[in-house]
């Protein structure tokens, strides 16, 4: 059972997209590549959460 509300997951998707597109502009990488890396949750900082 998924405890996340649709609104929260939508907000997180928008945040991921914004971070990916901003990073893509700065680094010249593809937005889709960066966004998929953010979704993969394989970061060494995965235990850190965004403030609400």
C-alpha atoms as a PDB file:
ATOM      1  CA  UNK A   1       0.000   0.000   0.000  1.00  0.00           C
ATOM      2  CA  UNK A   2       1.347   3.405  -0.948  1.00  0.00           C
ATOM      3  CA  UNK A   3       1.137   5.992   1.847  1.00  0.00           C
ATOM      4  CA  UNK A   4       2.083   8.956  -0.328  1.00  0.00           C
ATOM      5  CA  UNK A   5      -0.730  11.218  -1.390  1.00  0.00           C
ATOM      6  CA  UNK A   6      -1.023  12.027  -5.096  1.00  0.00           C
ATOM      7  CA  UNK A   7      -0.426  15.674  -4.323  1.00  0.00           C
ATOM      8  CA  UNK A   8       2.891  15.030  -2.547  1.00  0.00           C
ATOM      9  CA  UNK A   9       4.181  12.709  -5.276  1.00  0.00           C
ATOM     10  CA  UNK A  10       3.199  15.297  -7.873  1.00  0.00           C
ATOM     11  CA  UNK A  11       5.101  17.993  -6.003  1.00  0.00           C
ATOM     12  CA  UNK A  12       8.166  15.761  -5.743  1.00  0.00           C
ATOM     13  CA  UNK A  13       7.980  15.089  -9.484  1.00  0.00           C
ATOM     14  CA  UNK A  14       7.909  18.827 -10.162  1.00  0.00           C
ATOM     15  CA  UNK A  15      10.882  19.377  -7.854  1.00  0.00           C
ATOM     16  CA  UNK A  16      12.828  16.575  -9.566  1.00  0.00           C
ATOM     17  CA  UNK A  17      12.067  18.087 -12.975  1.00  0.00           C
ATOM     18  CA  UNK A  18      13.134  21.565 -11.862  1.00  0.00           C
ATOM     19  CA  UNK A  19      16.390  20.300 -10.372  1.00  0.00           C
ATOM     20  CA  UNK A  20      17.123  18.177 -13.439  1.00  0.00           C
ATOM     21  CA  UNK A  21      16.445  20.984 -15.904  1.00  0.00           C
ATOM     22  CA  UNK A  22      18.491  23.490 -13.924  1.00  0.00           C
ATOM     23  CA  UNK A  23      21.401  21.051 -13.697  1.00  0.00           C
ATOM     24  CA  UNK A  24      21.070  20.245 -17.405  1.00  0.00           C
ATOM     25  CA  UNK A  25      21.399  23.912 -18.294  1.00  0.00           C
ATOM     26  CA  UNK A  26      24.528  24.255 -16.165  1.00  0.00           C
ATOM     27  CA  UNK A  27      26.214  20.996 -17.210  1.00  0.00           C
ATOM     28  CA  UNK A  28      24.973  20.428 -20.764  1.00  0.00           C
ATOM     29  CA  UNK A  29      23.599  16.969 -19.901  1.00  0.00           C
ATOM     30  CA  UNK A  30      20.190  15.676 -20.964  1.00  0.00           C
ATOM     31  CA  UNK A  31      17.256  16.472 -18.664  1.00  0.00           C
ATOM     32  CA  UNK A  32      15.836  12.930 -18.995  1.00  0.00           C
ATOM     33  CA  UNK A  33      19.157  11.409 -17.933  1.00  0.00           C
ATOM     34  CA  UNK A  34      19.414  13.605 -14.871  1.00  0.00           C
ATOM     35  CA  UNK A  35      15.766  13.087 -13.973  1.00  0.00           C
ATOM     36  CA  UNK A  36      16.127   9.309 -14.173  1.00  0.00           C
ATOM     37  CA  UNK A  37      19.161   9.484 -11.883  1.00  0.00           C
ATOM     38  CA  UNK A  38      17.128  11.431  -9.346  1.00  0.00           C
ATOM     39  CA  UNK A  39      14.310   8.879  -9.562  1.00  0.00           C
ATOM     40  CA  UNK A  40      16.732   5.955  -9.152  1.00  0.00           C
ATOM     41  CA  UNK A  41      17.463   6.940  -5.545  1.00  0.00           C
ATOM     42  CA  UNK A  42      20.961   5.505  -5.705  1.00  0.00           C
ATOM     43  CA  UNK A  43      22.583   8.604  -4.318  1.00  0.00           C
ATOM     44  CA  UNK A  44      24.891   8.482  -1.343  1.00  0.00           C
ATOM     45  CA  UNK A  45      22.758  11.287   0.136  1.00  0.00           C
ATOM     46  CA  UNK A  46      19.483   9.416  -0.177  1.00  0.00           C
ATOM     47  CA  UNK A  47      18.960   9.425   3.585  1.00  0.00           C
ATOM     48  CA  UNK A  48      18.563  13.226   3.489  1.00  0.00           C
ATOM     49  CA  UNK A  49      15.040  14.543   2.995  1.00  0.00           C
ATOM     50  CA  UNK A  50      13.784  17.873   1.640  1.00  0.00           C
ATOM     51  CA  UNK A  51      12.241  20.231   4.180  1.00  0.00           C
ATOM     52  CA  UNK A  52       8.469  20.584   4.130  1.00  0.00           C
END
